[in-house]
Amino acid sequence: MASDRLKNFYEGWMNYAFPSKESDELSKKRVAICKKCEHFTKRGRCRKCGCFMEAKSRAKQAKCPIKLW
């Protein structure tokens, strides 16, 4: 439903723009995992999903495409 997508977008944006200390810690852990992955590029993108991982890792509901986190 469109309202669910809008809600998810808003929550993701708020988590990215105003991360809590918890989400900042979680993001750092996730990015550290990504940096060890063979699919992580020098520019910070994932070759599997195409996302910029610094941004994606801040969203609580985000998932790694190969289930590393």
N, C-alpha and C. Protein backbone atom coordinates (compact mmCIF):
# COMPACT_ATOMS: atom_id res chain seq x y z
N MET A 1 0.84 -1.17 0.00
CA MET A 1 0.00 0.00 0.00
C MET A 1 0.90 1.25 0.00
N ALA A 2 0.46 2.27 -0.65
CA ALA A 2 1.26 3.49 -0.78
C ALA A 2 1.55 4.15 0.57
N SER A 3 0.59 4.10 1.48
CA SER A 3 0.82 4.72 2.78
C SER A 3 1.90 3.98 3.57
N ASP A 4 2.01 2.66 3.40
CA ASP A 4 3.07 1.89 4.06
C ASP A 4 4.43 2.28 3.49
N ARG A 5 4.50 2.45 2.18
CA ARG A 5 5.76 2.86 1.56
C ARG A 5 6.18 4.24 2.03
N LEU A 6 5.22 5.13 2.13
CA LEU A 6 5.51 6.48 2.60
C LEU A 6 6.00 6.46 4.04
N LYS A 7 5.34 5.66 4.86
CA LYS A 7 5.75 5.53 6.26
C LYS A 7 7.16 4.96 6.37
N ASN A 8 7.47 3.91 5.60
CA ASN A 8 8.81 3.32 5.61
C ASN A 8 9.86 4.32 5.14
N PHE A 9 9.53 5.09 4.10
CA PHE A 9 10.45 6.10 3.60
C PHE A 9 10.72 7.15 4.67
N TYR A 10 9.66 7.63 5.30
CA TYR A 10 9.79 8.65 6.34
C TYR A 10 10.63 8.14 7.51
N GLU A 11 10.33 6.93 7.99
CA GLU A 11 11.09 6.37 9.11
C GLU A 11 12.55 6.17 8.73
N GLY A 12 12.80 5.68 7.54
CA GLY A 12 14.18 5.50 7.08
C GLY A 12 14.91 6.82 6.98
N TRP A 13 14.25 7.83 6.44
CA TRP A 13 14.87 9.16 6.32
C TRP A 13 15.16 9.75 7.70
N MET A 14 14.24 9.63 8.63
CA MET A 14 14.44 10.17 9.96
C MET A 14 15.59 9.44 10.67
N ASN A 15 15.68 8.14 10.49
CA ASN A 15 16.80 7.39 11.08
C ASN A 15 18.13 7.81 10.47
N TYR A 16 18.12 8.13 9.19
CA TYR A 16 19.35 8.55 8.52
C TYR A 16 19.72 9.98 8.92
N ALA A 17 18.75 10.86 8.91
CA ALA A 17 19.02 12.28 9.18
C ALA A 17 19.30 12.55 10.65
N PHE A 18 18.62 11.82 11.52
CA PHE A 18 18.76 12.02 12.97
C PHE A 18 18.98 10.69 13.67
N PRO A 19 20.13 10.07 13.45
CA PRO A 19 20.34 8.75 14.04
C PRO A 19 20.46 8.82 15.56
N SER A 20 19.91 7.82 16.21
CA SER A 20 20.10 7.71 17.66
C SER A 20 21.48 7.12 17.89
N LYS A 21 21.95 7.19 19.10
CA LYS A 21 23.26 6.61 19.40
C LYS A 21 23.25 5.12 19.09
N GLU A 22 22.15 4.45 19.39
CA GLU A 22 22.03 3.02 19.10
C GLU A 22 22.16 2.75 17.60
N SER A 23 21.44 3.51 16.79
CA SER A 23 21.49 3.26 15.35
C SER A 23 22.84 3.65 14.78
N ASP A 24 23.52 4.62 15.38
CA ASP A 24 24.86 4.98 14.93
C ASP A 24 25.83 3.83 15.20
N GLU A 25 25.71 3.21 16.37
CA GLU A 25 26.55 2.05 16.71
C GLU A 25 26.24 0.88 15.77
N LEU A 26 24.96 0.63 15.53
CA LEU A 26 24.55 -0.45 14.64
C LEU A 26 25.08 -0.20 13.23
N SER A 27 24.98 1.03 12.76
CA SER A 27 25.47 1.39 11.44
C SER A 27 26.96 1.13 11.31
N LYS A 28 27.72 1.51 12.32
CA LYS A 28 29.17 1.29 12.30
C LYS A 28 29.50 -0.20 12.23
N LYS A 29 28.78 -1.01 12.99
CA LYS A 29 29.00 -2.46 12.96
C LYS A 29 28.67 -3.04 11.60
N ARG A 30 27.55 -2.60 11.03
CA ARG A 30 27.14 -3.10 9.72
C ARG A 30 28.14 -2.72 8.64
N VAL A 31 28.58 -1.47 8.64
CA VAL A 31 29.54 -1.02 7.61
C VAL A 31 30.87 -1.76 7.77
N ALA A 32 31.28 -2.04 9.00
CA ALA A 32 32.51 -2.80 9.22
C ALA A 32 32.40 -4.19 8.60
N ILE A 33 31.22 -4.80 8.74
CA ILE A 33 30.98 -6.10 8.11
C ILE A 33 31.04 -5.96 6.59
N CYS A 34 30.40 -4.93 6.07
CA CYS A 34 30.37 -4.70 4.62
C CYS A 34 31.78 -4.51 4.04
N LYS A 35 32.61 -3.79 4.76
CA LYS A 35 33.96 -3.51 4.25
C LYS A 35 34.80 -4.77 4.08
N LYS A 36 34.44 -5.84 4.77
CA LYS A 36 35.15 -7.11 4.65
C LYS A 36 34.57 -7.99 3.54
N CYS A 37 33.43 -7.59 3.01
CA CYS A 37 32.72 -8.39 2.02
C CYS A 37 33.30 -8.20 0.62
N GLU A 38 33.29 -9.27 -0.16
CA GLU A 38 33.81 -9.22 -1.52
C GLU A 38 32.94 -8.37 -2.46
N HIS A 39 31.71 -8.11 -2.08
CA HIS A 39 30.78 -7.33 -2.91
C HIS A 39 30.81 -5.83 -2.62
N PHE A 40 31.61 -5.42 -1.66
CA PHE A 40 31.71 -4.00 -1.28
C PHE A 40 32.72 -3.31 -2.20
N THR A 41 32.31 -2.17 -2.77
CA THR A 41 33.21 -1.46 -3.68
C THR A 41 33.97 -0.36 -2.95
N LYS A 42 35.00 0.14 -3.60
CA LYS A 42 35.80 1.23 -3.02
C LYS A 42 34.96 2.49 -2.82
N ARG A 43 33.91 2.64 -3.58
CA ARG A 43 33.03 3.81 -3.47
C ARG A 43 31.94 3.64 -2.44
N GLY A 44 31.95 2.51 -1.73
CA GLY A 44 30.99 2.30 -0.65
C GLY A 44 29.67 1.70 -1.06
N ARG A 45 29.62 1.12 -2.25
CA ARG A 45 28.38 0.50 -2.72
C ARG A 45 28.46 -1.01 -2.63
N CYS A 46 27.30 -1.62 -2.57
CA CYS A 46 27.20 -3.08 -2.59
C CYS A 46 26.92 -3.50 -4.03
N ARG A 47 27.71 -4.45 -4.54
CA ARG A 47 27.50 -4.93 -5.91
C ARG A 47 26.23 -5.78 -6.03
N LYS A 48 25.77 -6.34 -4.94
CA LYS A 48 24.57 -7.18 -4.98
C LYS A 48 23.28 -6.36 -5.07
N CYS A 49 23.14 -5.35 -4.22
CA CYS A 49 21.89 -4.58 -4.20
C CYS A 49 22.04 -3.20 -4.83
N GLY A 50 23.28 -2.73 -4.98
CA GLY A 50 23.51 -1.42 -5.60
C GLY A 50 23.39 -0.24 -4.64
N CYS A 51 23.14 -0.52 -3.36
CA CYS A 51 22.96 0.56 -2.39
C CYS A 51 24.28 1.13 -1.90
N PHE A 52 24.22 2.38 -1.48
CA PHE A 52 25.33 2.98 -0.76
C PHE A 52 25.19 2.52 0.68
N MET A 53 26.15 1.76 1.16
CA MET A 53 25.99 1.08 2.44
C MET A 53 26.06 1.99 3.65
N GLU A 54 26.74 3.12 3.56
CA GLU A 54 26.74 4.08 4.68
C GLU A 54 25.31 4.53 4.97
N ALA A 55 24.54 4.77 3.92
CA ALA A 55 23.16 5.22 4.08
C ALA A 55 22.24 4.05 4.46
N LYS A 56 22.37 2.95 3.75
CA LYS A 56 21.48 1.81 4.00
C LYS A 56 21.66 1.25 5.40
N SER A 57 22.88 1.26 5.90
CA SER A 57 23.16 0.66 7.21
C SER A 57 22.49 1.39 8.36
N ARG A 58 22.07 2.64 8.14
CA ARG A 58 21.41 3.42 9.19
C ARG A 58 19.94 3.08 9.36
N ALA A 59 19.35 2.48 8.36
CA ALA A 59 17.93 2.13 8.45
C ALA A 59 17.77 0.83 9.23
N LYS A 60 17.04 0.88 10.33
CA LYS A 60 16.89 -0.29 11.20
C LYS A 60 16.33 -1.50 10.46
N GLN A 61 15.39 -1.28 9.55
CA GLN A 61 14.73 -2.38 8.87
C GLN A 61 15.52 -2.90 7.67
N ALA A 62 16.62 -2.25 7.32
CA ALA A 62 17.42 -2.67 6.16
C ALA A 62 18.06 -4.02 6.42
N LYS A 63 18.27 -4.75 5.33
CA LYS A 63 18.88 -6.07 5.43
C LYS A 63 19.97 -6.22 4.37
N CYS A 64 20.99 -6.96 4.71
CA CYS A 64 22.06 -7.27 3.77
C CYS A 64 21.50 -8.25 2.74
N PRO A 65 21.79 -8.05 1.45
CA PRO A 65 21.25 -8.95 0.44
C PRO A 65 21.80 -10.38 0.52
N ILE A 66 22.95 -10.56 1.16
CA ILE A 66 23.48 -11.92 1.32
C ILE A 66 23.46 -12.35 2.79
N LYS A 67 22.65 -11.64 3.58
CA LYS A 67 22.35 -11.99 4.98
C LYS A 67 23.56 -12.02 5.90
N LEU A 68 24.48 -11.06 5.72
CA LEU A 68 25.60 -10.94 6.65
C LEU A 68 25.19 -10.17 7.90
N TRP A 69 24.15 -9.34 7.79
CA TRP A 69 23.60 -8.62 8.94
C TRP A 69 22.12 -8.39 8.74
